[in-house]
Protein backbone atom coordinates (compact mmCIF):
# COMPACT_ATOMS: atom_id res chain seq x y z
CA MET A 1 -106.91 -45.10 -4.07
CA GLN A 2 -108.08 -44.55 -7.64
CA GLU A 3 -109.95 -41.44 -6.54
CA LYS A 4 -106.76 -39.91 -5.15
CA GLN A 5 -104.94 -40.73 -8.39
CA LEU A 6 -107.65 -38.90 -10.33
CA TYR A 7 -107.40 -35.85 -8.07
CA ALA A 8 -103.62 -35.88 -8.34
CA ALA A 9 -103.93 -36.05 -12.15
CA ILE A 10 -106.26 -33.02 -12.16
CA LEU A 11 -103.78 -31.05 -10.06
CA HIS A 12 -100.87 -32.16 -12.22
CA GLN A 13 -102.68 -31.12 -15.41
CA ALA A 14 -103.48 -27.68 -14.01
CA ILE A 15 -99.81 -27.14 -13.16
CA GLU A 16 -98.71 -28.30 -16.63
CA ASP A 17 -101.29 -26.00 -18.22
CA LEU A 18 -99.98 -23.07 -16.21
CA GLN A 19 -96.44 -23.81 -17.37
CA LEU A 20 -97.66 -24.02 -20.96
CA LYS A 21 -99.51 -20.72 -20.58
CA GLN A 22 -96.32 -19.05 -19.35
CA GLU A 23 -94.30 -20.50 -22.24
CA LEU A 24 -96.88 -19.35 -24.79
CA ARG A 25 -96.94 -15.86 -23.30
CA ALA A 26 -93.13 -15.69 -23.42
CA ARG A 27 -93.26 -16.52 -27.15
CA GLY A 28 -96.00 -13.94 -27.73
CA GLU A 29 -98.57 -16.60 -28.62
CA ASP A 30 -102.24 -16.49 -27.65
CA TRP A 31 -102.70 -19.13 -24.94
CA LYS A 32 -106.50 -18.88 -25.27
CA LYS A 33 -106.30 -20.65 -28.63
CA ILE A 34 -104.73 -23.71 -27.00
CA LEU A 35 -106.00 -23.90 -23.42
CA VAL A 36 -109.71 -24.31 -22.75
CA THR A 37 -109.61 -22.83 -19.25
CA ASP A 38 -107.32 -20.43 -17.43
CA PRO A 39 -105.06 -22.44 -15.14
CA GLU A 40 -104.17 -19.30 -13.14
CA TYR A 41 -107.83 -18.81 -12.26
CA TYR A 42 -108.15 -22.44 -11.21
CA LEU A 43 -104.97 -22.50 -9.12
CA PHE A 44 -105.07 -19.04 -7.56
CA ILE A 45 -108.59 -17.56 -7.66
CA SER A 46 -111.31 -20.20 -7.88
CA LYS A 47 -113.54 -20.91 -4.91
CA SER A 48 -113.60 -24.19 -3.04
CA GLY A 49 -117.29 -24.99 -3.43
CA TYR A 50 -116.80 -27.35 -6.36
CA PRO A 51 -115.83 -31.02 -5.93
CA THR A 52 -112.77 -30.58 -8.16
CA SER A 53 -111.71 -27.12 -6.98
CA PHE A 54 -108.04 -26.63 -6.24
CA ASN A 55 -108.55 -26.22 -2.49
CA ARG A 56 -110.80 -29.26 -2.28
CA ILE A 57 -108.36 -31.45 -4.19
CA CYS A 58 -105.50 -30.30 -1.97
CA ASP A 59 -107.58 -31.16 1.09
CA LEU A 60 -108.37 -34.62 -0.28
CA LEU A 61 -104.67 -35.20 -1.00
CA ASN A 62 -103.65 -33.86 2.43
CA LEU A 63 -101.75 -30.97 0.86
CA ASN A 64 -101.61 -27.39 2.07
CA PRO A 65 -103.05 -25.29 -0.81
CA ASP A 66 -100.97 -22.23 0.08
CA LYS A 67 -97.74 -24.23 0.15
CA VAL A 68 -98.60 -25.86 -3.19
CA ARG A 69 -99.27 -22.42 -4.70
CA GLN A 70 -96.00 -21.13 -3.28
CA GLY A 71 -94.12 -24.04 -4.83
CA ILE A 72 -95.80 -23.47 -8.19
CA MET A 73 -94.84 -19.79 -8.16
CA GLN A 74 -91.25 -20.53 -7.16
CA ASN A 75 -91.00 -22.97 -10.06
CA ILE A 76 -92.42 -20.42 -12.52
CA TYR A 77 -90.03 -17.70 -11.33
CA ALA A 78 -87.06 -20.07 -11.52
CA LYS A 79 -87.94 -21.00 -15.11
CA ALA A 80 -88.40 -17.34 -16.02
CA LEU A 81 -84.96 -16.50 -14.64
CA ASP A 82 -83.43 -19.40 -16.56
CA ASN A 83 -84.84 -17.94 -19.77
CA LEU A 84 -83.25 -14.50 -19.31
């Protein structure tokens, strides 16, 4: 159980970091000064060979990685439209 909580926390942090990156970009700030890694790379590009890769965590949490990505993108687009 604790292992699943850890994996869920990693996924949650990546999503929060992506939202922060989008907010910083919208304000014209350099996200690289605040975030250590690129959450977009982790969520959308990284390979699944690592124990904490996005795809692996989704598998361990019984989540469909493509559906999670789709939900993340829908949330980002909705927030962007709200800020227009």
